Amino acid sequence: MKKRTGGLVYSTEQGRMCPGCRNPMDQCTCGASERPSGDGIVRVSRETKGRKGKGVTLITGIPLGDKELKAFAKVLKGKCGTGGTVKDGVVEIQGDQRDLLVPLLEQKGWTVKRAGG
């Protein structure tokens, strides 16, 4: 007998649905949206690839869940006075903001390293 793994993926009423617990993504109870812990080091780097020469500052390894990470990214964007986003657990801040972000992240008690050039 074949096990069914399909089901509701998107609902116009609730939006995206979690395939594990079949709840809306913001009410997920299966823990599928939790971030892995990593090595405990927050890395701050600058990247221009795929952005038509425009530089962004990438922050990886922040030990927060998805909701907390999004709220913390909003605080960082406000301190820098620029825009940005969170994609797959990586915070992207527009421009080269490494000198401003490293002390802010160290104030939180995290080990911070500048990665790249």
PDB file of N, CA and C in Angstrom:
ATOM      1  N   MET A   1       0.833  -1.175   0.000  1.00  0.00           N
ATOM      2  CA  MET A   1       0.000   0.000   0.000  1.00  0.00           C
ATOM      3  C   MET A   1       0.889   1.254   0.000  1.00  0.00           C
ATOM      4  N   LYS A   2       0.531   2.229  -0.794  1.00  0.00           N
ATOM      5  CA  LYS A   2       1.310   3.433  -0.956  1.00  0.00           C
ATOM      6  C   LYS A   2       0.905   4.483   0.087  1.00  0.00           C
ATOM      7  N   LYS A   3       1.911   5.117   0.698  1.00  0.00           N
ATOM      8  CA  LYS A   3       1.645   6.171   1.663  1.00  0.00           C
ATOM      9  C   LYS A   3       1.492   7.496   0.922  1.00  0.00           C
ATOM     10  N   ARG A   4       0.456   8.246   1.245  1.00  0.00           N
ATOM     11  CA  ARG A   4       0.226   9.535   0.601  1.00  0.00           C
ATOM     12  C   ARG A   4       1.021  10.622   1.309  1.00  0.00           C
ATOM     13  N   THR A   5       1.825  11.332   0.554  1.00  0.00           N
ATOM     14  CA  THR A   5       2.598  12.424   1.130  1.00  0.00           C
ATOM     15  C   THR A   5       2.091  13.775   0.651  1.00  0.00           C
ATOM     16  N   GLY A   6       1.156  13.780  -0.261  1.00  0.00           N
ATOM     17  CA  GLY A   6       0.632  15.035  -0.790  1.00  0.00           C
ATOM     18  C   GLY A   6      -0.329  15.673   0.193  1.00  0.00           C
ATOM     19  N   GLY A   7      -0.872  16.778  -0.202  1.00  0.00           N
ATOM     20  CA  GLY A   7      -1.825  17.482   0.639  1.00  0.00           C
ATOM     21  C   GLY A   7      -1.878  18.945   0.258  1.00  0.00           C
ATOM     22  N   LEU A   8      -2.576  19.690   1.054  1.00  0.00           N
ATOM     23  CA  LEU A   8      -2.762  21.107   0.822  1.00  0.00           C
ATOM     24  C   LEU A   8      -1.445  21.856   0.990  1.00  0.00           C
ATOM     25  N   VAL A   9      -1.038  22.590  -0.031  1.00  0.00           N
ATOM     26  CA  VAL A   9       0.209  23.337   0.007  1.00  0.00           C
ATOM     27  C   VAL A   9      -0.070  24.822   0.179  1.00  0.00           C
ATOM     28  N   TYR A  10      -1.158  25.314  -0.417  1.00  0.00           N
ATOM     29  CA  TYR A  10      -1.490  26.721  -0.354  1.00  0.00           C
ATOM     30  C   TYR A  10      -2.999  26.869  -0.258  1.00  0.00           C
ATOM     31  N   SER A  11      -3.433  27.751   0.595  1.00  0.00           N
ATOM     32  CA  SER A  11      -4.847  28.027   0.745  1.00  0.00           C
ATOM     33  C   SER A  11      -5.056  29.524   0.564  1.00  0.00           C
ATOM     34  N   THR A  12      -6.085  29.914  -0.196  1.00  0.00           N
ATOM     35  CA  THR A  12      -6.342  31.338  -0.379  1.00  0.00           C
ATOM     36  C   THR A  12      -6.798  31.981   0.925  1.00  0.00           C
ATOM     37  N   GLU A  13      -7.272  31.189   1.837  1.00  0.00           N
ATOM     38  CA  GLU A  13      -7.730  31.701   3.121  1.00  0.00           C
ATOM     39  C   GLU A  13      -6.571  31.899   4.102  1.00  0.00           C
ATOM     40  N   GLN A  14      -5.603  30.960   4.111  1.00  0.00           N
ATOM     41  CA  GLN A  14      -4.551  30.960   5.117  1.00  0.00           C
ATOM     42  C   GLN A  14      -3.166  31.228   4.556  1.00  0.00           C
ATOM     43  N   GLY A  15      -2.951  31.137   3.253  1.00  0.00           N
ATOM     44  CA  GLY A  15      -1.629  31.315   2.675  1.00  0.00           C
ATOM     45  C   GLY A  15      -0.873  29.999   2.616  1.00  0.00           C
ATOM     46  N   ARG A  16       0.462  30.042   2.760  1.00  0.00           N
ATOM     47  CA  ARG A  16       1.297  28.832   2.704  1.00  0.00           C
ATOM     48  C   ARG A  16       1.001  27.904   3.858  1.00  0.00           C
ATOM     49  N   MET A  17       0.999  26.611   3.547  1.00  0.00           N
ATOM     50  CA  MET A  17       0.731  25.592   4.552  1.00  0.00           C
ATOM     51  C   MET A  17       1.979  24.743   4.750  1.00  0.00           C
ATOM     52  N   CYS A  18       2.237  24.326   5.978  1.00  0.00           N
ATOM     53  CA  CYS A  18       3.369  23.457   6.285  1.00  0.00           C
ATOM     54  C   CYS A  18       3.029  22.034   5.851  1.00  0.00           C
ATOM     55  N   PRO A  19       3.907  21.368   5.084  1.00  0.00           N
ATOM     56  CA  PRO A  19       3.605  20.003   4.651  1.00  0.00           C
ATOM     57  C   PRO A  19       3.681  18.988   5.789  1.00  0.00           C
ATOM     58  N   GLY A  20       4.412  19.301   6.853  1.00  0.00           N
ATOM     59  CA  GLY A  20       4.556  18.358   7.963  1.00  0.00           C
ATOM     60  C   GLY A  20       3.330  18.296   8.862  1.00  0.00           C
ATOM     61  N   CYS A  21       2.938  19.441   9.399  1.00  0.00           N
ATOM     62  CA  CYS A  21       1.819  19.457  10.356  1.00  0.00           C
ATOM     63  C   CYS A  21       0.523  19.961   9.735  1.00  0.00           C
ATOM     64  N   ARG A  22       0.585  20.417   8.484  1.00  0.00           N
ATOM     65  CA  ARG A  22      -0.574  20.904   7.729  1.00  0.00           C
ATOM     66  C   ARG A  22      -1.263  22.120   8.369  1.00  0.00           C
ATOM     67  N   ASN A  23      -0.509  22.897   9.124  1.00  0.00           N
ATOM     68  CA  ASN A  23      -0.984  24.160   9.676  1.00  0.00           C
ATOM     69  C   ASN A  23      -0.449  25.293   8.812  1.00  0.00           C
ATOM     70  N   PRO A  24      -1.020  26.505   8.933  1.00  0.00           N
ATOM     71  CA  PRO A  24      -0.411  27.641   8.235  1.00  0.00           C
ATOM     72  C   PRO A  24       1.023  27.832   8.715  1.00  0.00           C
ATOM     73  N   MET A  25       1.908  28.337   7.834  1.00  0.00           N
ATOM     74  CA  MET A  25       3.330  28.453   8.158  1.00  0.00           C
ATOM     75  C   MET A  25       3.590  29.268   9.420  1.00  0.00           C
ATOM     76  N   ASP A  26       2.800  30.321   9.675  1.00  0.00           N
ATOM     77  CA  ASP A  26       3.038  31.113  10.879  1.00  0.00           C
ATOM     78  C   ASP A  26       2.560  30.418  12.151  1.00  0.00           C
ATOM     79  N   GLN A  27       1.826  29.303  12.020  1.00  0.00           N
ATOM     80  CA  GLN A  27       1.375  28.529  13.173  1.00  0.00           C
ATOM     81  C   GLN A  27       1.946  27.120  13.154  1.00  0.00           C
ATOM     82  N   CYS A  28       3.054  26.927  12.461  1.00  0.00           N
ATOM     83  CA  CYS A  28       3.670  25.614  12.306  1.00  0.00           C
ATOM     84  C   CYS A  28       4.085  25.055  13.666  1.00  0.00           C
ATOM     85  N   THR A  29       3.744  23.800  13.915  1.00  0.00           N
ATOM     86  CA  THR A  29       4.080  23.164  15.189  1.00  0.00           C
ATOM     87  C   THR A  29       5.108  22.054  15.038  1.00  0.00           C
ATOM     88  N   CYS A  30       5.505  21.734  13.821  1.00  0.00           N
ATOM     89  CA  CYS A  30       6.416  20.614  13.620  1.00  0.00           C
ATOM     90  C   CYS A  30       7.876  21.032  13.721  1.00  0.00           C
ATOM     91  N   GLY A  31       8.177  22.322  13.766  1.00  0.00           N
ATOM     92  CA  GLY A  31       9.555  22.781  13.899  1.00  0.00           C
ATOM     93  C   GLY A  31      10.331  22.768  12.599  1.00  0.00           C
ATOM     94  N   ALA A  32       9.668  22.643  11.472  1.00  0.00           N
ATOM     95  CA  ALA A  32      10.359  22.595  10.189  1.00  0.00           C
ATOM     96  C   ALA A  32      11.003  23.930   9.832  1.00  0.00           C
ATOM     97  N   SER A  33      10.540  25.030  10.432  1.00  0.00           N
ATOM     98  CA  SER A  33      11.080  26.338  10.082  1.00  0.00           C
ATOM     99  C   SER A  33      12.185  26.789  11.038  1.00  0.00           C
ATOM    100  N   GLU A  34      12.667  25.929  11.929  1.00  0.00           N
ATOM    101  CA  GLU A  34      13.733  26.278  12.848  1.00  0.00           C
ATOM    102  C   GLU A  34      15.073  26.324  12.115  1.00  0.00           C
ATOM    103  N   ARG A  35      15.934  27.230  12.501  1.00  0.00           N
ATOM    104  CA  ARG A  35      17.259  27.374  11.908  1.00  0.00           C
ATOM    105  C   ARG A  35      18.229  26.420  12.588  1.00  0.00           C
ATOM    106  N   PRO A  36      19.146  25.819  11.819  1.00  0.00           N
ATOM    107  CA  PRO A  36      20.193  25.007  12.452  1.00  0.00           C
ATOM    108  C   PRO A  36      21.134  25.894  13.262  1.00  0.00           C
ATOM    109  N   SER A  37      21.754  25.335  14.291  1.00  0.00           N
ATOM    110  CA  SER A  37      22.547  26.126  15.221  1.00  0.00           C
ATOM    111  C   SER A  37      23.856  26.623  14.623  1.00  0.00           C
ATOM    112  N   GLY A  38      24.496  25.880  13.741  1.00  0.00           N
ATOM    113  CA  GLY A  38      25.751  26.306  13.135  1.00  0.00           C
ATOM    114  C   GLY A  38      26.917  26.136  14.091  1.00  0.00           C
ATOM    115  N   ASP A  39      28.005  26.911  13.867  1.00  0.00           N
ATOM    116  CA  ASP A  39      29.200  26.764  14.690  1.00  0.00           C
ATOM    117  C   ASP A  39      29.315  27.831  15.772  1.00  0.00           C
ATOM    118  N   GLY A  40      28.317  28.703  15.928  1.00  0.00           N
ATOM    119  CA  GLY A  40      28.322  29.700  16.993  1.00  0.00           C
ATOM    120  C   GLY A  40      29.055  30.983  16.636  1.00  0.00           C
ATOM    121  N   ILE A  41      29.475  31.129  15.398  1.00  0.00           N
ATOM    122  CA  ILE A  41      30.175  32.342  14.972  1.00  0.00           C
ATOM    123  C   ILE A  41      29.304  33.088  13.971  1.00  0.00           C
ATOM    124  N   VAL A  42      29.094  34.368  14.243  1.00  0.00           N
ATOM    125  CA  VAL A  42      28.342  35.231  13.323  1.00  0.00           C
ATOM    126  C   VAL A  42      29.348  35.826  12.348  1.00  0.00           C
ATOM    127  N   ARG A  43      29.116  35.628  11.053  1.00  0.00           N
ATOM    128  CA  ARG A  43      30.046  36.120  10.029  1.00  0.00           C
ATOM    129  C   ARG A  43      29.407  37.283   9.260  1.00  0.00           C
ATOM    130  N   VAL A  44      30.193  38.343   9.087  1.00  0.00           N
ATOM    131  CA  VAL A  44      29.746  39.536   8.374  1.00  0.00           C
ATOM    132  C   VAL A  44      30.621  39.669   7.140  1.00  0.00           C
ATOM    133  N   SER A  45      30.008  39.659   5.959  1.00  0.00           N
ATOM    134  CA  SER A  45      30.774  39.745   4.717  1.00  0.00           C
ATOM    135  C   SER A  45      30.074  40.693   3.747  1.00  0.00           C
ATOM    136  N   ARG A  46      30.788  41.018   2.668  1.00  0.00           N
ATOM    137  CA  ARG A  46      30.246  41.890   1.624  1.00  0.00           C
ATOM    138  C   ARG A  46      30.228  41.114   0.318  1.00  0.00           C
ATOM    139  N   GLU A  47      29.170  41.293  -0.459  1.00  0.00           N
ATOM    140  CA  GLU A  47      29.039  40.560  -1.717  1.00  0.00           C
ATOM    141  C   GLU A  47      28.406  41.450  -2.774  1.00  0.00           C
ATOM    142  N   THR A  48      28.845  41.257  -4.039  1.00  0.00           N
ATOM    143  CA  THR A  48      28.264  41.993  -5.160  1.00  0.00           C
ATOM    144  C   THR A  48      27.768  41.067  -6.253  1.00  0.00           C
ATOM    145  N   LYS A  49      28.002  39.778  -6.129  1.00  0.00           N
ATOM    146  CA  LYS A  49      27.616  38.833  -7.184  1.00  0.00           C
ATOM    147  C   LYS A  49      26.110  38.828  -7.409  1.00  0.00           C
ATOM    148  N   GLY A  50      25.716  38.881  -8.678  1.00  0.00           N
ATOM    149  CA  GLY A  50      24.312  38.789  -9.036  1.00  0.00           C
ATOM    150  C   GLY A  50      23.495  40.013  -8.683  1.00  0.00           C
ATOM    151  N   ARG A  51      24.159  41.131  -8.393  1.00  0.00           N
ATOM    152  CA  ARG A  51      23.437  42.338  -7.996  1.00  0.00           C
ATOM    153  C   ARG A  51      23.819  43.539  -8.859  1.00  0.00           C
ATOM    154  N   LYS A  52      24.326  43.273 -10.052  1.00  0.00           N
ATOM    155  CA  LYS A  52      24.705  44.314 -11.012  1.00  0.00           C
ATOM    156  C   LYS A  52      25.684  45.312 -10.413  1.00  0.00           C
ATOM    157  N   GLY A  53      26.648  44.817  -9.625  1.00  0.00           N
ATOM    158  CA  GLY A  53      27.672  45.675  -9.051  1.00  0.00           C
ATOM    159  C   GLY A  53      27.296  46.345  -7.749  1.00  0.00           C
ATOM    160  N   LYS A  54      26.057  46.255  -7.346  1.00  0.00           N
ATOM    161  CA  LYS A  54      25.618  46.862  -6.090  1.00  0.00           C
ATOM    162  C   LYS A  54      26.036  45.951  -4.939  1.00  0.00           C
ATOM    163  N   GLY A  55      26.702  46.497  -3.948  1.00  0.00           N
ATOM    164  CA  GLY A  55      27.177  45.699  -2.826  1.00  0.00           C
ATOM    165  C   GLY A  55      26.148  45.576  -1.724  1.00  0.00           C
ATOM    166  N   VAL A  56      26.114  44.421  -1.081  1.00  0.00           N
ATOM    167  CA  VAL A  56      25.291  44.202   0.103  1.00  0.00           C
ATOM    168  C   VAL A  56      26.163  43.569   1.182  1.00  0.00           C
ATOM    169  N   THR A  57      25.779  43.783   2.419  1.00  0.00           N
ATOM    170  CA  THR A  57      26.463  43.171   3.547  1.00  0.00           C
ATOM    171  C   THR A  57      25.647  41.961   3.967  1.00  0.00           C
ATOM    172  N   LEU A  58      26.290  40.799   4.043  1.00  0.00           N
ATOM    173  CA  LEU A  58      25.636  39.561   4.428  1.00  0.00           C
ATOM    174  C   LEU A  58      26.015  39.210   5.858  1.00  0.00           C
ATOM    175  N   ILE A  59      25.027  38.833   6.655  1.00  0.00           N
ATOM    176  CA  ILE A  59      25.269  38.400   8.029  1.00  0.00           C
ATOM    177  C   ILE A  59      24.730  36.985   8.151  1.00  0.00           C
ATOM    178  N   THR A  60      25.611  36.023   8.427  1.00  0.00           N
ATOM    179  CA  THR A  60      25.207  34.623   8.556  1.00  0.00           C
ATOM    180  C   THR A  60      25.546  34.116   9.952  1.00  0.00           C
ATOM    181  N   GLY A  61      24.839  33.078  10.372  1.00  0.00           N
ATOM    182  CA  GLY A  61      25.138  32.413  11.641  1.00  0.00           C
ATOM    183  C   GLY A  61      24.497  33.037  12.852  1.00  0.00           C
ATOM    184  N   ILE A  62      23.516  33.922  12.689  1.00  0.00           N
ATOM    185  CA  ILE A  62      22.851  34.519  13.849  1.00  0.00           C
ATOM    186  C   ILE A  62      21.980  33.441  14.500  1.00  0.00           C
ATOM    187  N   PRO A  63      22.202  33.159  15.788  1.00  0.00           N
ATOM    188  CA  PRO A  63      21.482  32.060  16.448  1.00  0.00           C
ATOM    189  C   PRO A  63      20.080  32.458  16.912  1.00  0.00           C
ATOM    190  N   LEU A  64      19.204  32.771  15.971  1.00  0.00           N
ATOM    191  CA  LEU A  64      17.820  33.137  16.276  1.00  0.00           C
ATOM    192  C   LEU A  64      16.878  32.360  15.368  1.00  0.00           C
ATOM    193  N   GLY A  65      15.644  32.186  15.808  1.00  0.00           N
ATOM    194  CA  GLY A  65      14.617  31.565  14.975  1.00  0.00           C
ATOM    195  C   GLY A  65      14.179  32.524  13.878  1.00  0.00           C
ATOM    196  N   ASP A  66      13.320  32.060  13.004  1.00  0.00           N
ATOM    197  CA  ASP A  66      12.908  32.862  11.849  1.00  0.00           C
ATOM    198  C   ASP A  66      12.244  34.176  12.241  1.00  0.00           C
ATOM    199  N   LYS A  67      11.295  34.130  13.166  1.00  0.00           N
ATOM    200  CA  LYS A  67      10.566  35.343  13.552  1.00  0.00           C
ATOM    201  C   LYS A  67      11.475  36.329  14.268  1.00  0.00           C
ATOM    202  N   GLU A  68      12.310  35.813  15.175  1.00  0.00           N
ATOM    203  CA  GLU A  68      13.230  36.690  15.903  1.00  0.00           C
ATOM    204  C   GLU A  68      14.273  37.291  14.963  1.00  0.00           C
ATOM    205  N   LEU A  69      14.714  36.492  13.989  1.00  0.00           N
ATOM    206  CA  LEU A  69      15.714  36.963  13.027  1.00  0.00           C
ATOM    207  C   LEU A  69      15.151  38.095  12.181  1.00  0.00           C
ATOM    208  N   LYS A  70      13.914  37.960  11.777  1.00  0.00           N
ATOM    209  CA  LYS A  70      13.283  39.005  10.968  1.00  0.00           C
ATOM    210  C   LYS A  70      13.139  40.302  11.768  1.00  0.00           C
ATOM    211  N   ALA A  71      12.763  40.191  13.044  1.00  0.00           N
ATOM    212  CA  ALA A  71      12.638  41.373  13.891  1.00  0.00           C
ATOM    213  C   ALA A  71      14.007  42.009  14.146  1.00  0.00           C
ATOM    214  N   PHE A  72      15.041  41.175  14.360  1.00  0.00           N
ATOM    215  CA  PHE A  72      16.392  41.688  14.600  1.00  0.00           C
ATOM    216  C   PHE A  72      16.940  42.357  13.344  1.00  0.00           C
ATOM    217  N   ALA A  73      16.629  41.813  12.174  1.00  0.00           N
ATOM    218  CA  ALA A  73      17.062  42.423  10.913  1.00  0.00           C
ATOM    219  C   ALA A  73      16.448  43.803  10.745  1.00  0.00           C
ATOM    220  N   LYS A  74      15.223  43.962  11.190  1.00  0.00           N
ATOM    221  CA  LYS A  74      14.566  45.265  11.103  1.00  0.00           C
ATOM    222  C   LYS A  74      15.295  46.292  11.968  1.00  0.00           C
ATOM    223  N   VAL A  75      15.737  45.872  13.154  1.00  0.00           N
ATOM    224  CA  VAL A  75      16.501  46.756  14.034  1.00  0.00           C
ATOM    225  C   VAL A  75      17.834  47.138  13.382  1.00  0.00           C
ATOM    226  N   LEU A  76      18.520  46.148  12.796  1.00  0.00           N
ATOM    227  CA  LEU A  76      19.801  46.426  12.134  1.00  0.00           C
ATOM    228  C   LEU A  76      19.625  47.383  10.961  1.00  0.00           C
ATOM    229  N   LYS A  77      18.585  47.186  10.166  1.00  0.00           N
ATOM    230  CA  LYS A  77      18.334  48.075   9.031  1.00  0.00           C
ATOM    231  C   LYS A  77      18.084  49.496   9.515  1.00  0.00           C
ATOM    232  N   GLY A  78      17.378  49.633  10.639  1.00  0.00           N
ATOM    233  CA  GLY A  78      17.123  50.956  11.196  1.00  0.00           C
ATOM    234  C   GLY A  78      18.388  51.636  11.680  1.00  0.00           C
ATOM    235  N   LYS A  79      19.289  50.863  12.300  1.00  0.00           N
ATOM    236  CA  LYS A  79      20.560  51.424  12.782  1.00  0.00           C
ATOM    237  C   LYS A  79      21.442  51.863  11.615  1.00  0.00           C
ATOM    238  N   CYS A  80      21.390  51.126  10.513  1.00  0.00           N
ATOM    239  CA  CYS A  80      22.206  51.462   9.342  1.00  0.00           C
ATOM    240  C   CYS A  80      21.557  52.534   8.472  1.00  0.00           C
ATOM    241  N   GLY A  81      20.252  52.691   8.590  1.00  0.00           N
ATOM    242  CA  GLY A  81      19.548  53.668   7.765  1.00  0.00           C
ATOM    243  C   GLY A  81      19.388  53.225   6.328  1.00  0.00           C
ATOM    244  N   THR A  82      19.364  51.903   6.106  1.00  0.00           N
ATOM    245  CA  THR A  82      19.230  51.373   4.748  1.00  0.00           C
ATOM    246  C   THR A  82      18.187  50.273   4.740  1.00  0.00           C
ATOM    247  N   GLY A  83      17.946  49.736   3.562  1.00  0.00           N
ATOM    248  CA  GLY A  83      17.026  48.627   3.418  1.00  0.00           C
ATOM    249  C   GLY A  83      17.751  47.307   3.503  1.00  0.00           C
ATOM    250  N   GLY A  84      16.987  46.240   3.389  1.00  0.00           N
ATOM    251  CA  GLY A  84      17.572  44.914   3.420  1.00  0.00           C
ATOM    252  C   GLY A  84      16.491  43.860   3.486  1.00  0.00           C
ATOM    253  N   THR A  85      16.908  42.610   3.658  1.00  0.00           N
ATOM    254  CA  THR A  85      15.962  41.503   3.702  1.00  0.00           C
ATOM    255  C   THR A  85      16.580  40.326   4.448  1.00  0.00           C
ATOM    256  N   VAL A  86      15.748  39.323   4.697  1.00  0.00           N
ATOM    257  CA  VAL A  86      16.204  38.064   5.281  1.00  0.00           C
ATOM    258  C   VAL A  86      15.854  36.961   4.291  1.00  0.00           C
ATOM    259  N   LYS A  87      16.857  36.213   3.842  1.00  0.00           N
ATOM    260  CA  LYS A  87      16.638  35.109   2.906  1.00  0.00           C
ATOM    261  C   LYS A  87      17.312  33.861   3.449  1.00  0.00           C
ATOM    262  N   ASP A  88      16.569  32.837   3.741  1.00  0.00           N
ATOM    263  CA  ASP A  88      17.096  31.545   4.195  1.00  0.00           C
ATOM    264  C   ASP A  88      18.041  31.689   5.383  1.00  0.00           C
ATOM    265  N   GLY A  89      17.691  32.519   6.336  1.00  0.00           N
ATOM    266  CA  GLY A  89      18.505  32.675   7.533  1.00  0.00           C
ATOM    267  C   GLY A  89      19.696  33.599   7.383  1.00  0.00           C
ATOM    268  N   VAL A  90      19.828  34.241   6.225  1.00  0.00           N
ATOM    269  CA  VAL A  90      20.927  35.180   5.972  1.00  0.00           C
ATOM    270  C   VAL A  90      20.329  36.581   5.892  1.00  0.00           C
ATOM    271  N   VAL A  91      20.872  37.494   6.698  1.00  0.00           N
ATOM    272  CA  VAL A  91      20.412  38.882   6.680  1.00  0.00           C
ATOM    273  C   VAL A  91      21.232  39.630   5.639  1.00  0.00           C
ATOM    274  N   GLU A  92      20.542  40.309   4.727  1.00  0.00           N
ATOM    275  CA  GLU A  92      21.194  41.122   3.700  1.00  0.00           C
ATOM    276  C   GLU A  92      20.865  42.581   3.973  1.00  0.00           C
ATOM    277  N   ILE A  93      21.905  43.402   4.155  1.00  0.00           N
ATOM    278  CA  ILE A  93      21.742  44.836   4.374  1.00  0.00           C
ATOM    279  C   ILE A  93      22.374  45.550   3.185  1.00  0.00           C
ATOM    280  N   GLN A  94      21.678  46.529   2.619  1.00  0.00           N
ATOM    281  CA  GLN A  94      22.175  47.229   1.436  1.00  0.00           C
ATOM    282  C   GLN A  94      23.413  48.050   1.770  1.00  0.00           C
ATOM    283  N   GLY A  95      24.388  48.009   0.871  1.00  0.00           N
ATOM    284  CA  GLY A  95      25.612  48.790   1.024  1.00  0.00           C
ATOM    285  C   GLY A  95      26.651  48.075   1.876  1.00  0.00           C
ATOM    286  N   ASP A  96      27.806  48.698   2.004  1.00  0.00           N
ATOM    287  CA  ASP A  96      28.892  48.151   2.820  1.00  0.00           C
ATOM    288  C   ASP A  96      28.746  48.704   4.235  1.00  0.00           C
ATOM    289  N   GLN A  97      28.118  47.943   5.111  1.00  0.00           N
ATOM    290  CA  GLN A  97      27.817  48.372   6.478  1.00  0.00           C
ATOM    291  C   GLN A  97      28.610  47.584   7.521  1.00  0.00           C
ATOM    292  N   ARG A  98      29.684  46.907   7.103  1.00  0.00           N
ATOM    293  CA  ARG A  98      30.412  46.011   8.012  1.00  0.00           C
ATOM    294  C   ARG A  98      30.955  46.738   9.232  1.00  0.00           C
ATOM    295  N   ASP A  99      31.525  47.944   9.040  1.00  0.00           N
ATOM    296  CA  ASP A  99      32.112  48.676  10.163  1.00  0.00           C
ATOM    297  C   ASP A  99      31.066  49.053  11.210  1.00  0.00           C
ATOM    298  N   LEU A 100      29.850  49.277  10.789  1.00  0.00           N
ATOM    299  CA  LEU A 100      28.775  49.638  11.710  1.00  0.00           C
ATOM    300  C   LEU A 100      28.139  48.411  12.360  1.00  0.00           C
ATOM    301  N   LEU A 101      28.061  47.300  11.623  1.00  0.00           N
ATOM    302  CA  LEU A 101      27.346  46.115  12.113  1.00  0.00           C
ATOM    303  C   LEU A 101      28.147  45.270  13.095  1.00  0.00           C
ATOM    304  N   VAL A 102      29.464  45.176  12.914  1.00  0.00           N
ATOM    305  CA  VAL A 102      30.272  44.313  13.777  1.00  0.00           C
ATOM    306  C   VAL A 102      30.132  44.705  15.255  1.00  0.00           C
ATOM    307  N   PRO A 103      30.276  45.997  15.630  1.00  0.00           N
ATOM    308  CA  PRO A 103      30.092  46.345  17.045  1.00  0.00           C
ATOM    309  C   PRO A 103      28.672  46.092  17.553  1.00  0.00           C
ATOM    310  N   LEU A 104      27.658  46.297  16.699  1.00  0.00           N
ATOM    311  CA  LEU A 104      26.276  46.051  17.115  1.00  0.00           C
ATOM    312  C   LEU A 104      26.040  44.576  17.435  1.00  0.00           C
ATOM    313  N   LEU A 105      26.635  43.703  16.626  1.00  0.00           N
ATOM    314  CA  LEU A 105      26.480  42.267  16.848  1.00  0.00           C
ATOM    315  C   LEU A 105      27.291  41.805  18.060  1.00  0.00           C
ATOM    316  N   GLU A 106      28.448  42.410  18.289  1.00  0.00           N
ATOM    317  CA  GLU A 106      29.250  42.044  19.450  1.00  0.00           C
ATOM    318  C   GLU A 106      28.578  42.460  20.749  1.00  0.00           C
ATOM    319  N   GLN A 107      27.782  43.530  20.724  1.00  0.00           N
ATOM    320  CA  GLN A 107      27.046  43.964  21.915  1.00  0.00           C
ATOM    321  C   GLN A 107      26.038  42.924  22.368  1.00  0.00           C
ATOM    322  N   LYS A 108      25.572  42.097  21.441  1.00  0.00           N
ATOM    323  CA  LYS A 108      24.620  41.034  21.774  1.00  0.00           C
ATOM    324  C   LYS A 108      25.310  39.842  22.434  1.00  0.00           C
ATOM    325  N   GLY A 109      26.642  39.859  22.497  1.00  0.00           N
ATOM    326  CA  GLY A 109      27.380  38.786  23.137  1.00  0.00           C
ATOM    327  C   GLY A 109      27.785  37.657  22.208  1.00  0.00           C
ATOM    328  N   TRP A 110      27.678  37.869  20.909  1.00  0.00           N
ATOM    329  CA  TRP A 110      28.038  36.848  19.932  1.00  0.00           C
ATOM    330  C   TRP A 110      29.495  37.009  19.499  1.00  0.00           C
ATOM    331  N   THR A 111      30.117  35.918  19.085  1.00  0.00           N
ATOM    332  CA  THR A 111      31.442  35.967  18.485  1.00  0.00           C
ATOM    333  C   THR A 111      31.255  36.362  17.030  1.00  0.00           C
ATOM    334  N   VAL A 112      31.875  37.477  16.642  1.00  0.00           N
ATOM    335  CA  VAL A 112      31.667  38.034  15.299  1.00  0.00           C
ATOM    336  C   VAL A 112      33.001  38.034  14.550  1.00  0.00           C
ATOM    337  N   LYS A 113      32.967  37.584  13.295  1.00  0.00           N
ATOM    338  CA  LYS A 113      34.143  37.606  12.423  1.00  0.00           C
ATOM    339  C   LYS A 113      33.785  38.297  11.123  1.00  0.00           C
ATOM    340  N   ARG A 114      34.724  39.096  10.631  1.00  0.00           N
ATOM    341  CA  ARG A 114      34.573  39.676   9.288  1.00  0.00           C
ATOM    342  C   ARG A 114      35.073  38.633   8.299  1.00  0.00           C
ATOM    343  N   ALA A 115      34.217  38.235   7.385  1.00  0.00           N
ATOM    344  CA  ALA A 115      34.571  37.223   6.389  1.00  0.00           C
ATOM    345  C   ALA A 115      34.794  37.906   5.052  1.00  0.00           C
ATOM    346  N   GLY A 116      35.667  37.369   4.258  1.00  0.00           N
ATOM    347  CA  GLY A 116      35.927  37.931   2.939  1.00  0.00           C
ATOM    348  C   GLY A 116      36.849  39.125   3.004  1.00  0.00           C
ATOM    349  N   GLY A 117      36.880  39.897   1.908  1.00  0.00           N
ATOM    350  CA  GLY A 117      37.800  41.013   1.798  1.00  0.00           C
ATOM    351  C   GLY A 117      37.336  42.196   2.449  1.00  0.00           C
TER     352      GLY A 117
END
